[in-house]
Amino acid sequence: MQTVPENQPKELQRSMKSRHLFMLSLGGVIGTGLFLGSGYAIGEAGPAGAIIAYLVGGLLMYLAMICLGELSVVMPVSGSFQVHATKFIGPATGFVIGWIYWLSWALYVGLEFVAAGLLMTRWFPDIPVWVWCTIFTVLLFSINALTTRSFAETEYWFSGIKVLAVILFIIIGAAAMFGLIHMDAKPAPFFSNFIGDGLFPTGFTGVFVSMMTVVYAFQGSEIMGVAAGETENPQQSIPRAIRNIVIRVLLFYVLAIFVLSAIVPWQEVGVMESPFVTVFEMVGIPYAADIMNFVILTAVLSVGNTGLFACTRILFSLSQNGMAHASFGKLNRRGIPINALLISMVFALLSLLTSVVAEETLFVVLLSISGVGGLLTWIAIALAQYRFRKQYIREGGKIEDLKYRVPFFPFVPILCILMCLGIFVFTAYDPTQRNSLYWGLGFVVASYIFYYFRYTRRKIEVPVLSNEPPNDFVQ
């Protein structure tokens, strides 16, 4: 057996503060899904339909977050829901959730490099995109390879820029909506664009069509759980982060959608590259397109930064559980799982090649798997919390001893699971998204089969990070 040098840490360091955890989760949700995807949701569902879709998506996010919160306070480990699924649902499910989540984020990290390179061509059209991809690859890798604190601090400021941009948009947009700021010499729209063609101009079915897009926008909030194992005082930080995140995300999204729908007719906003740019230009802000290009660039780099962190910690967790090679569980002197970071970066870069040489085959498959990965993760979180609470009570645990607990149990986790399954059903009825569902769920089935032949049939024991009963985690 290989020994770990005395100067090399054996566990991840708890160096993230409460503010880092909050901005990490907030930044994971406020990104291109809001700056670019909000226009699509309004175009599909209409003004009121888009707001309802985001409210329903926000409710689902809240249900998943509080389930994750209870588990993360009881077991604040890196890898979070992958470990929870392994312990409370079963090793096979932990294996599947861990790998599909890693694959999802690794793919998106690669895509974010390309998106960032394309955004830079606005200012530097003569420099090839691959040059910018290389620069951003080195930048994000360096940030993640230094220390956990360096990653957290960088992400804190990335997220701060995005949040500031959304707040300014809401304030300026509301002022233009009520005539306090003039728009291209046009009269103030007040609520005319919002209700001009009715609240549901595409019918209420538009709400269901846009739901998958909306839910994708909210996925990333579960990063809080991945970072729980490196957070100072998780029993206080995690509940505080959950309360702040859900309220602020819903306020930012709903108010932004409301203002956007009131200023720009819903038929036009659905086909704009970035409706935020349009609004800033309408109120006469100088260099509006350049400002939003910078904000969106920040959002893209933030997603890439967070995604690389998530990939590294999930792969580290899989290794700790015996579901990935042992080398991915080793830490360097700075407490970083450097091998897990390296392989995650390599796969992210290889995924870029599939977007060029296998765009209509392998790349489509990878994108489809990523699409369903987030919802499956939320289902696993809710089911793990349900199983944990049942086991906890069965072993004589007292609910009041839990530092953070899900209210209205078992209604909350059951509702979360049913809502996620409902979104899968809506997706199945949408011809444009149906194939992604087939590929994604097909990968899940294939992963379970692989686990059976690799571990169960060959009777290879998969260790769980802790085999102690749940009550022992409650201090």
Protein backbone atom coordinates (compact mmCIF):
# COMPACT_ATOMS: atom_id res chain seq x y z
CA MET A 1 0.00 0.00 0.00
CA GLN A 2 1.26 3.43 -0.90
CA THR A 3 1.63 5.77 2.06
CA VAL A 4 0.77 9.44 2.03
CA PRO A 5 3.68 11.74 2.88
CA GLU A 6 3.36 13.60 6.15
CA ASN A 7 3.45 16.98 4.41
CA GLN A 8 0.64 15.99 2.03
CA PRO A 9 -2.92 16.53 3.29
CA LYS A 10 -5.22 13.52 3.40
CA GLU A 11 -8.47 15.48 3.44
CA LEU A 12 -9.81 18.53 1.64
CA GLN A 13 -9.33 21.75 3.57
CA ARG A 14 -12.32 23.65 4.96
CA SER A 15 -11.27 27.09 3.73
CA MET A 16 -14.48 28.41 2.15
CA LYS A 17 -16.39 31.02 4.11
CA SER A 18 -20.16 31.54 4.19
CA ARG A 19 -19.99 34.38 1.66
CA HIS A 20 -18.10 32.14 -0.76
CA LEU A 21 -20.68 29.37 -0.48
CA PHE A 22 -23.54 31.80 -1.06
CA MET A 23 -22.01 33.46 -4.11
CA LEU A 24 -20.88 30.11 -5.50
CA SER A 25 -24.44 28.78 -5.61
CA LEU A 26 -25.88 32.12 -6.71
CA GLY A 27 -23.34 32.37 -9.51
CA GLY A 28 -24.14 28.83 -10.60
CA VAL A 29 -27.74 29.82 -11.23
CA ILE A 30 -27.37 33.36 -12.61
CA GLY A 31 -25.61 32.88 -15.93
CA THR A 32 -26.26 32.55 -19.62
CA GLY A 33 -29.61 30.92 -18.79
CA LEU A 34 -30.80 34.35 -17.67
CA PHE A 35 -28.81 36.64 -19.97
CA LEU A 36 -29.52 34.63 -23.14
CA GLY A 37 -32.14 31.97 -22.35
CA SER A 38 -34.74 34.25 -20.79
CA GLY A 39 -35.75 35.58 -24.20
CA TYR A 40 -36.49 32.04 -25.43
CA ALA A 41 -38.70 31.34 -22.41
CA ILE A 42 -40.70 34.54 -22.98
CA GLY A 43 -41.05 33.78 -26.70
CA GLU A 44 -42.36 30.26 -25.97
CA ALA A 45 -44.65 30.99 -23.03
CA GLY A 46 -45.46 34.69 -23.25
CA PRO A 47 -44.89 37.23 -20.43
CA ALA A 48 -47.07 35.69 -17.70
CA GLY A 49 -46.30 32.16 -18.85
CA ALA A 50 -42.56 32.75 -18.52
CA ILE A 51 -42.98 34.14 -15.00
CA ILE A 52 -45.10 31.13 -13.99
CA ALA A 53 -42.51 28.78 -15.51
CA TYR A 54 -39.70 30.45 -13.53
CA LEU A 55 -41.78 30.41 -10.33
CA VAL A 56 -42.47 26.69 -10.74
CA GLY A 57 -38.82 26.07 -11.56
CA GLY A 58 -37.85 28.11 -8.50
CA LEU A 59 -40.15 26.01 -6.32
CA LEU A 60 -38.53 22.84 -7.62
CA MET A 61 -35.07 24.30 -6.97
CA TYR A 62 -36.13 25.18 -3.41
CA LEU A 63 -37.41 21.66 -2.74
CA ALA A 64 -34.16 20.13 -3.97
CA MET A 65 -32.04 22.66 -2.07
CA ILE A 66 -33.66 22.07 1.33
CA CYS A 67 -33.38 18.31 0.85
CA LEU A 68 -29.70 18.78 0.01
CA GLY A 69 -29.35 21.14 2.98
CA GLU A 70 -30.49 18.56 5.52
CA LEU A 71 -28.14 15.94 4.08
CA SER A 72 -25.19 18.33 3.76
CA VAL A 73 -25.45 19.55 7.36
CA VAL A 74 -25.56 15.95 8.59
CA MET A 75 -22.82 14.78 6.20
CA PRO A 76 -20.78 17.80 5.00
CA VAL A 77 -18.47 15.87 2.68
CA SER A 78 -16.97 16.70 -0.69
CA GLY A 79 -19.00 15.08 -3.43
CA SER A 80 -22.13 15.65 -1.38
CA PHE A 81 -25.12 14.13 -3.17
CA GLN A 82 -22.96 11.45 -4.78
CA VAL A 83 -21.94 10.25 -1.31
CA HIS A 84 -25.50 10.66 0.00
CA ALA A 85 -26.91 8.61 -2.88
CA THR A 86 -24.29 5.91 -2.32
CA LYS A 87 -25.07 5.64 1.39
CA PHE A 88 -28.85 6.08 1.50
CA ILE A 89 -30.03 4.79 -1.91
CA GLY A 90 -27.31 2.35 -2.93
CA PRO A 91 -23.79 2.19 -4.39
CA ALA A 92 -25.12 1.63 -7.92
CA THR A 93 -27.15 4.85 -7.82
CA GLY A 94 -24.21 6.73 -6.31
CA PHE A 95 -22.04 5.44 -9.15
CA VAL A 96 -24.52 6.53 -11.84
CA ILE A 97 -25.26 9.96 -10.34
CA GLY A 98 -21.57 10.69 -9.79
CA TRP A 99 -20.48 9.83 -13.32
CA ILE A 100 -23.41 11.46 -15.12
CA TYR A 101 -22.91 14.64 -13.08
CA TRP A 102 -19.17 14.63 -13.80
CA LEU A 103 -19.82 14.08 -17.51
CA SER A 104 -22.40 16.89 -17.61
CA TRP A 105 -20.12 19.49 -16.07
CA ALA A 106 -17.01 18.36 -17.97
CA LEU A 107 -18.85 18.81 -21.26
CA TYR A 108 -20.17 22.23 -20.28
CA VAL A 109 -16.71 23.38 -19.21
CA GLY A 110 -15.46 22.65 -22.74
CA LEU A 111 -18.39 24.50 -24.28
CA GLU A 112 -17.77 27.52 -22.06
CA PHE A 113 -14.21 27.81 -23.40
CA VAL A 114 -15.57 28.05 -26.94
CA ALA A 115 -18.29 30.51 -25.90
CA ALA A 116 -15.72 32.73 -24.18
CA GLY A 117 -13.50 32.64 -27.27
CA LEU A 118 -16.38 33.62 -29.53
CA LEU A 119 -17.29 36.53 -27.23
CA MET A 120 -13.72 37.84 -27.43
CA THR A 121 -13.90 38.05 -31.24
CA ARG A 122 -16.18 41.08 -30.81
CA TRP A 123 -13.17 43.07 -29.61
CA PHE A 124 -10.38 41.11 -31.30
CA PRO A 125 -11.79 39.79 -34.60
CA ASP A 126 -8.37 38.97 -36.05
CA ILE A 127 -7.34 36.59 -33.25
CA PRO A 128 -8.53 32.97 -33.77
CA VAL A 129 -11.01 31.52 -31.27
CA TRP A 130 -8.62 28.67 -30.34
CA VAL A 131 -6.12 31.19 -28.98
CA TRP A 132 -8.69 32.53 -26.52
CA CYS A 133 -9.76 28.97 -25.65
CA THR A 134 -6.15 28.20 -24.74
CA ILE A 135 -5.77 31.36 -22.64
CA PHE A 136 -8.99 30.72 -20.70
CA THR A 137 -8.11 27.04 -20.25
CA VAL A 138 -4.79 27.96 -18.62
CA LEU A 139 -6.47 30.69 -16.54
CA LEU A 140 -9.22 28.52 -15.07
CA PHE A 141 -6.93 25.56 -14.54
CA SER A 142 -4.50 27.78 -12.63
CA ILE A 143 -7.25 29.21 -10.45
CA ASN A 144 -8.48 25.73 -9.52
CA ALA A 145 -4.96 24.32 -9.06
CA LEU A 146 -3.74 26.95 -6.58
CA THR A 147 -5.94 26.60 -3.49
CA THR A 148 -9.62 26.19 -2.71
CA ARG A 149 -9.59 29.73 -1.34
CA SER A 150 -8.25 31.13 -4.64
CA PHE A 151 -11.07 29.41 -6.51
CA ALA A 152 -13.70 30.63 -4.05
CA GLU A 153 -12.42 34.21 -4.07
CA THR A 154 -12.33 34.34 -7.88
CA GLU A 155 -15.83 32.92 -8.15
CA TYR A 156 -17.04 35.40 -5.53
CA TRP A 157 -16.06 38.32 -7.76
CA PHE A 158 -17.25 36.64 -10.97
CA SER A 159 -20.67 36.18 -9.37
CA GLY A 160 -20.63 39.70 -7.97
CA ILE A 161 -20.30 41.18 -11.48
CA LYS A 162 -23.28 39.14 -12.73
CA VAL A 163 -25.45 40.06 -9.75
CA LEU A 164 -24.61 43.76 -10.14
CA ALA A 165 -25.52 43.62 -13.84
CA VAL A 166 -28.92 42.06 -13.07
CA ILE A 167 -29.68 44.63 -10.35
CA LEU A 168 -28.78 47.52 -12.66
CA PHE A 169 -30.91 46.01 -15.44
CA ILE A 170 -33.95 45.76 -13.14
CA ILE A 171 -33.55 49.34 -11.85
CA ILE A 172 -32.90 50.93 -15.27
CA GLY A 173 -35.54 48.80 -16.98
CA ALA A 174 -38.20 49.65 -14.38
CA ALA A 175 -37.36 53.35 -14.73
CA ALA A 176 -37.77 53.11 -18.52
CA MET A 177 -40.97 51.12 -18.14
CA PHE A 178 -42.63 53.92 -16.13
CA GLY A 179 -41.21 56.81 -18.16
CA LEU A 180 -38.53 57.98 -15.74
CA ILE A 181 -35.98 57.25 -18.48
CA HIS A 182 -36.84 57.87 -22.14
CA MET A 183 -36.40 55.12 -24.73
CA ASP A 184 -35.67 56.18 -28.33
CA ALA A 185 -38.22 59.01 -28.02
CA LYS A 186 -40.98 56.42 -27.50
CA PRO A 187 -43.68 56.79 -24.85
CA ALA A 188 -43.33 54.78 -21.67
CA PRO A 189 -44.82 51.30 -22.26
CA PHE A 190 -46.07 50.75 -18.70
CA PHE A 191 -47.90 47.38 -18.94
CA SER A 192 -48.96 47.56 -22.60
CA ASN A 193 -46.41 45.02 -23.88
CA PHE A 194 -47.03 42.76 -20.92
CA ILE A 195 -50.76 42.40 -21.43
CA GLY A 196 -51.20 43.64 -25.03
CA ASP A 197 -51.72 40.15 -26.56
CA GLY A 198 -53.01 38.59 -23.38
CA LEU A 199 -51.05 37.04 -20.55
CA PHE A 200 -50.74 33.69 -22.40
CA PRO A 201 -50.48 34.57 -26.12
CA THR A 202 -49.16 31.08 -27.00
CA GLY A 203 -51.61 29.28 -24.74
CA PHE A 204 -50.91 27.77 -21.35
CA THR A 205 -49.12 24.85 -23.02
CA GLY A 206 -46.25 27.24 -23.68
CA VAL A 207 -45.50 27.13 -19.95
CA PHE A 208 -44.87 23.38 -20.17
CA VAL A 209 -42.79 23.70 -23.34
CA SER A 210 -40.45 26.21 -21.69
CA MET A 211 -40.16 24.32 -18.39
CA MET A 212 -37.11 22.28 -19.36
CA THR A 213 -35.26 25.45 -20.42
CA VAL A 214 -36.22 27.13 -17.16
CA VAL A 215 -35.14 24.18 -15.00
CA TYR A 216 -31.79 24.03 -16.81
CA ALA A 217 -31.30 27.69 -15.88
CA PHE A 218 -31.68 26.84 -12.18
CA GLN A 219 -29.41 23.81 -12.22
CA GLY A 220 -26.08 24.62 -10.66
CA SER A 221 -27.55 25.60 -7.30
CA GLU A 222 -26.62 22.13 -6.01
CA ILE A 223 -22.93 23.14 -6.27
CA MET A 224 -23.42 24.29 -2.68
CA GLY A 225 -23.49 20.63 -1.64
CA VAL A 226 -20.34 19.80 -3.61
CA ALA A 227 -18.51 22.55 -1.73
CA ALA A 228 -19.89 21.56 1.70
CA GLY A 229 -16.83 19.45 2.45
CA GLU A 230 -14.57 22.51 2.11
CA THR A 231 -16.73 25.03 3.96
CA GLU A 232 -16.02 26.47 7.38
CA ASN A 233 -18.75 25.67 9.90
CA PRO A 234 -21.19 24.01 7.45
CA GLN A 235 -23.93 23.71 10.10
CA GLN A 236 -24.34 27.49 10.00
CA SER A 237 -23.15 28.31 6.48
CA ILE A 238 -25.37 25.87 4.56
CA PRO A 239 -28.79 26.83 6.04
CA ARG A 240 -27.92 30.53 5.66
CA ALA A 241 -26.88 30.02 2.04
CA ILE A 242 -30.08 28.13 1.19
CA ARG A 243 -32.33 30.85 2.62
CA ASN A 244 -30.49 33.63 0.81
CA ILE A 245 -30.07 31.85 -2.52
CA VAL A 246 -33.68 30.85 -3.14
CA ILE A 247 -35.12 34.27 -2.27
CA ARG A 248 -32.59 36.23 -4.29
CA VAL A 249 -32.66 33.95 -7.32
CA LEU A 250 -36.43 34.16 -7.59
CA LEU A 251 -36.36 37.94 -7.14
CA PHE A 252 -33.66 38.41 -9.77
CA TYR A 253 -35.26 36.09 -12.32
CA VAL A 254 -38.88 37.10 -11.86
CA LEU A 255 -38.20 40.85 -11.74
CA ALA A 256 -35.85 40.64 -14.74
CA ILE A 257 -38.42 38.68 -16.76
CA PHE A 258 -41.18 41.10 -15.74
CA VAL A 259 -39.20 44.19 -16.74
CA LEU A 260 -38.00 42.58 -19.97
CA SER A 261 -41.53 41.59 -21.00
CA ALA A 262 -42.86 45.05 -20.21
CA ILE A 263 -40.26 46.88 -22.33
CA VAL A 264 -39.89 44.57 -25.35
CA PRO A 265 -42.85 42.85 -27.09
CA TRP A 266 -42.79 39.10 -26.40
CA GLN A 267 -42.66 38.25 -30.14
CA GLU A 268 -39.39 40.17 -30.53
CA VAL A 269 -37.64 39.19 -27.31
CA GLY A 270 -37.75 35.51 -28.23
CA VAL A 271 -35.48 35.94 -31.26
CA MET A 272 -32.89 38.32 -29.79
CA GLU A 273 -29.36 37.14 -29.12
CA SER A 274 -29.37 38.97 -25.78
CA PRO A 275 -32.50 40.90 -24.77
CA PHE A 276 -30.46 42.60 -22.05
CA VAL A 277 -28.33 44.30 -24.70
CA THR A 278 -31.47 45.48 -26.52
CA VAL A 279 -32.93 47.09 -23.39
CA PHE A 280 -29.69 48.88 -22.51
CA GLU A 281 -29.41 50.19 -26.08
CA MET A 282 -33.06 51.36 -26.05
CA VAL A 283 -32.44 53.54 -22.99
CA GLY A 284 -29.34 55.02 -24.61
CA ILE A 285 -26.59 53.58 -22.42
CA PRO A 286 -23.26 54.12 -24.24
CA TYR A 287 -21.43 50.95 -25.27
CA ALA A 288 -24.37 48.84 -24.07
CA ALA A 289 -23.45 45.90 -26.27
CA ASP A 290 -19.83 45.97 -25.08
CA ILE A 291 -20.88 46.17 -21.44
CA MET A 292 -23.20 43.18 -21.75
CA ASN A 293 -20.62 41.30 -23.80
CA PHE A 294 -18.26 41.70 -20.84
CA VAL A 295 -20.94 40.62 -18.36
CA ILE A 296 -21.82 37.55 -20.44
CA LEU A 297 -18.10 36.76 -20.78
CA THR A 298 -17.86 36.91 -17.00
CA ALA A 299 -20.90 34.62 -16.71
CA VAL A 300 -19.34 32.13 -19.13
CA LEU A 301 -16.01 32.09 -17.27
CA SER A 302 -17.87 31.76 -13.99
CA VAL A 303 -19.73 28.69 -15.25
CA GLY A 304 -16.47 27.19 -16.51
CA ASN A 305 -14.72 27.93 -13.22
CA THR A 306 -17.54 26.42 -11.15
CA GLY A 307 -17.91 23.46 -13.48
CA LEU A 308 -14.24 22.60 -13.24
CA PHE A 309 -14.46 22.73 -9.45
CA ALA A 310 -17.56 20.48 -9.47
CA CYS A 311 -15.92 17.96 -11.83
CA THR A 312 -12.80 17.75 -9.69
CA ARG A 313 -14.66 17.21 -6.40
CA ILE A 314 -17.13 14.69 -7.82
CA LEU A 315 -14.29 12.66 -9.35
CA PHE A 316 -12.42 12.89 -6.04
CA SER A 317 -15.53 11.59 -4.26
CA LEU A 318 -15.96 8.73 -6.75
CA SER A 319 -12.36 7.74 -6.15
CA GLN A 320 -12.85 7.84 -2.37
CA ASN A 321 -15.82 5.50 -2.80
CA GLY A 322 -13.88 3.07 -5.00
CA MET A 323 -15.86 4.02 -8.11
CA ALA A 324 -12.93 5.67 -9.93
CA HIS A 325 -9.20 5.08 -10.00
CA ALA A 326 -7.48 5.62 -6.65
CA SER A 327 -5.11 8.21 -8.16
CA PHE A 328 -8.01 10.66 -8.53
CA GLY A 329 -8.41 10.70 -4.74
CA LYS A 330 -4.89 11.96 -4.01
CA LEU A 331 -4.31 15.53 -2.88
CA ASN A 332 -1.28 17.70 -3.50
CA ARG A 333 0.40 19.82 -0.82
CA ARG A 334 -2.16 22.58 -1.29
CA GLY A 335 -5.04 20.18 -0.65
CA ILE A 336 -6.18 20.03 -4.30
CA PRO A 337 -7.12 16.73 -6.03
CA ILE A 338 -4.75 17.58 -8.85
CA ASN A 339 -5.15 14.32 -10.81
CA ALA A 340 -8.93 14.68 -10.78
CA LEU A 341 -8.51 18.27 -11.94
CA LEU A 342 -6.20 17.24 -14.78
CA ILE A 343 -8.41 14.47 -16.17
CA SER A 344 -11.50 16.70 -15.92
CA MET A 345 -9.72 19.40 -17.92
CA VAL A 346 -8.50 16.89 -20.50
CA PHE A 347 -12.00 15.50 -21.02
CA ALA A 348 -13.42 19.03 -21.30
CA LEU A 349 -10.92 19.78 -24.07
CA LEU A 350 -11.61 16.47 -25.84
CA SER A 351 -15.33 17.31 -25.81
CA LEU A 352 -14.42 20.36 -27.90
CA LEU A 353 -13.17 18.06 -30.63
CA THR A 354 -16.49 16.19 -30.73
CA SER A 355 -18.26 19.50 -31.38
CA VAL A 356 -16.18 19.79 -34.56
CA VAL A 357 -15.50 16.25 -35.85
CA ALA A 358 -18.63 14.48 -34.52
CA GLU A 359 -21.09 17.32 -34.13
CA GLU A 360 -24.17 15.33 -35.20
CA THR A 361 -23.26 12.03 -33.50
CA LEU A 362 -21.11 11.79 -30.38
CA PHE A 363 -21.46 15.47 -29.48
CA VAL A 364 -25.27 15.24 -29.62
CA VAL A 365 -25.17 12.18 -27.38
CA LEU A 366 -22.94 13.92 -24.82
CA LEU A 367 -25.16 16.99 -24.84
CA SER A 368 -28.26 14.84 -24.35
CA ILE A 369 -26.74 13.06 -21.37
CA SER A 370 -25.81 16.40 -19.84
CA GLY A 371 -29.34 17.67 -20.33
CA VAL A 372 -31.00 15.05 -18.15
CA GLY A 373 -28.14 14.85 -15.63
CA GLY A 374 -29.29 17.81 -13.56
CA LEU A 375 -32.86 16.57 -13.08
CA LEU A 376 -31.65 13.07 -12.21
CA THR A 377 -29.36 14.64 -9.61
CA TRP A 378 -32.29 16.48 -8.02
CA ILE A 379 -34.31 13.24 -7.95
CA ALA A 380 -31.40 11.45 -6.25
CA ILE A 381 -31.06 14.28 -3.69
CA ALA A 382 -34.76 14.10 -2.76
CA LEU A 383 -34.79 10.30 -2.61
CA ALA A 384 -31.61 10.20 -0.50
CA GLN A 385 -33.12 12.69 1.97
CA TYR A 386 -36.31 10.61 2.16
CA ARG A 387 -34.32 7.42 2.82
CA PHE A 388 -32.05 9.16 5.34
CA ARG A 389 -34.94 10.56 7.38
CA LYS A 390 -36.73 7.19 7.42
CA GLN A 391 -33.55 5.44 8.60
CA TYR A 392 -32.84 8.16 11.14
CA ILE A 393 -36.30 7.83 12.73
CA ARG A 394 -36.19 4.03 12.57
CA GLU A 395 -32.96 4.02 14.57
CA GLY A 396 -34.49 6.21 17.28
CA GLY A 397 -33.25 9.63 16.17
CA LYS A 398 -35.11 12.74 17.29
CA ILE A 399 -36.14 15.23 14.60
CA GLU A 400 -35.43 18.17 16.90
CA ASP A 401 -31.78 17.09 17.11
CA LEU A 402 -31.26 17.78 13.40
CA LYS A 403 -29.50 21.13 12.98
CA TYR A 404 -31.33 21.71 9.70
CA ARG A 405 -34.39 19.76 8.67
CA VAL A 406 -36.77 19.57 5.75
CA PRO A 407 -40.26 20.79 6.75
CA PHE A 408 -43.45 18.90 5.89
CA PHE A 409 -41.68 15.57 5.56
CA PRO A 410 -42.32 13.35 3.55
CA PHE A 411 -44.37 15.71 1.35
CA VAL A 412 -41.38 17.82 0.25
CA PRO A 413 -39.08 15.08 -1.14
CA ILE A 414 -42.02 13.25 -2.75
CA LEU A 415 -43.23 16.46 -4.43
CA CYS A 416 -39.69 17.18 -5.66
CA ILE A 417 -39.43 13.72 -7.24
CA LEU A 418 -42.88 13.94 -8.85
CA MET A 419 -42.18 17.40 -10.31
CA CYS A 420 -38.89 16.20 -11.83
CA LEU A 421 -40.63 13.18 -13.35
CA GLY A 422 -43.35 15.49 -14.67
CA ILE A 423 -40.76 17.58 -16.51
CA PHE A 424 -39.41 14.42 -18.12
CA VAL A 425 -42.96 13.68 -19.33
CA PHE A 426 -43.28 17.20 -20.81
CA THR A 427 -39.96 16.67 -22.56
CA ALA A 428 -41.17 13.39 -24.07
CA TYR A 429 -44.09 15.23 -25.69
CA ASP A 430 -41.77 17.83 -27.27
CA PRO A 431 -40.39 16.43 -30.56
CA THR A 432 -37.38 18.76 -30.47
CA GLN A 433 -36.24 17.47 -27.06
CA ARG A 434 -37.42 13.85 -27.16
CA ASN A 435 -34.17 12.40 -28.52
CA SER A 436 -32.17 13.99 -25.71
CA LEU A 437 -34.38 12.15 -23.24
CA TYR A 438 -33.77 8.83 -25.00
CA TRP A 439 -30.00 9.26 -25.01
CA GLY A 440 -29.83 10.57 -21.46
CA LEU A 441 -31.97 7.85 -19.88
CA GLY A 442 -30.28 5.26 -22.10
CA PHE A 443 -26.93 6.28 -20.62
CA VAL A 444 -28.36 5.83 -17.12
CA VAL A 445 -29.53 2.29 -17.91
CA ALA A 446 -26.15 1.48 -19.48
CA SER A 447 -24.38 2.80 -16.36
CA TYR A 448 -26.43 0.56 -14.06
CA ILE A 449 -25.65 -2.44 -16.30
CA PHE A 450 -21.94 -1.56 -16.26
CA TYR A 451 -22.01 -1.28 -12.47
CA TYR A 452 -23.65 -4.70 -12.19
CA PHE A 453 -21.03 -6.45 -14.33
CA ARG A 454 -18.07 -4.44 -12.99
CA TYR A 455 -18.84 -4.55 -9.27
CA THR A 456 -21.89 -6.61 -8.28
CA ARG A 457 -21.42 -9.68 -10.46
CA ARG A 458 -17.67 -9.79 -9.82
CA LYS A 459 -18.38 -9.18 -6.11
CA ILE A 460 -16.05 -6.21 -5.89
CA GLU A 461 -16.78 -4.36 -2.67
CA VAL A 462 -17.44 -0.64 -3.09
CA PRO A 463 -16.59 1.22 0.13
CA VAL A 464 -18.86 3.96 1.42
CA LEU A 465 -17.14 6.97 2.96
CA SER A 466 -18.82 6.28 6.27
CA ASN A 467 -20.57 3.13 7.39
CA GLU A 468 -21.76 4.63 10.64
CA PRO A 469 -25.51 4.98 11.22
CA PRO A 470 -27.02 8.39 10.42
CA ASN A 471 -27.57 9.25 14.10
CA ASP A 472 -23.82 9.35 14.65
CA PHE A 473 -23.55 12.31 12.26
CA VAL A 474 -25.93 14.45 14.30
CA GLN A 475 -24.02 16.37 16.92
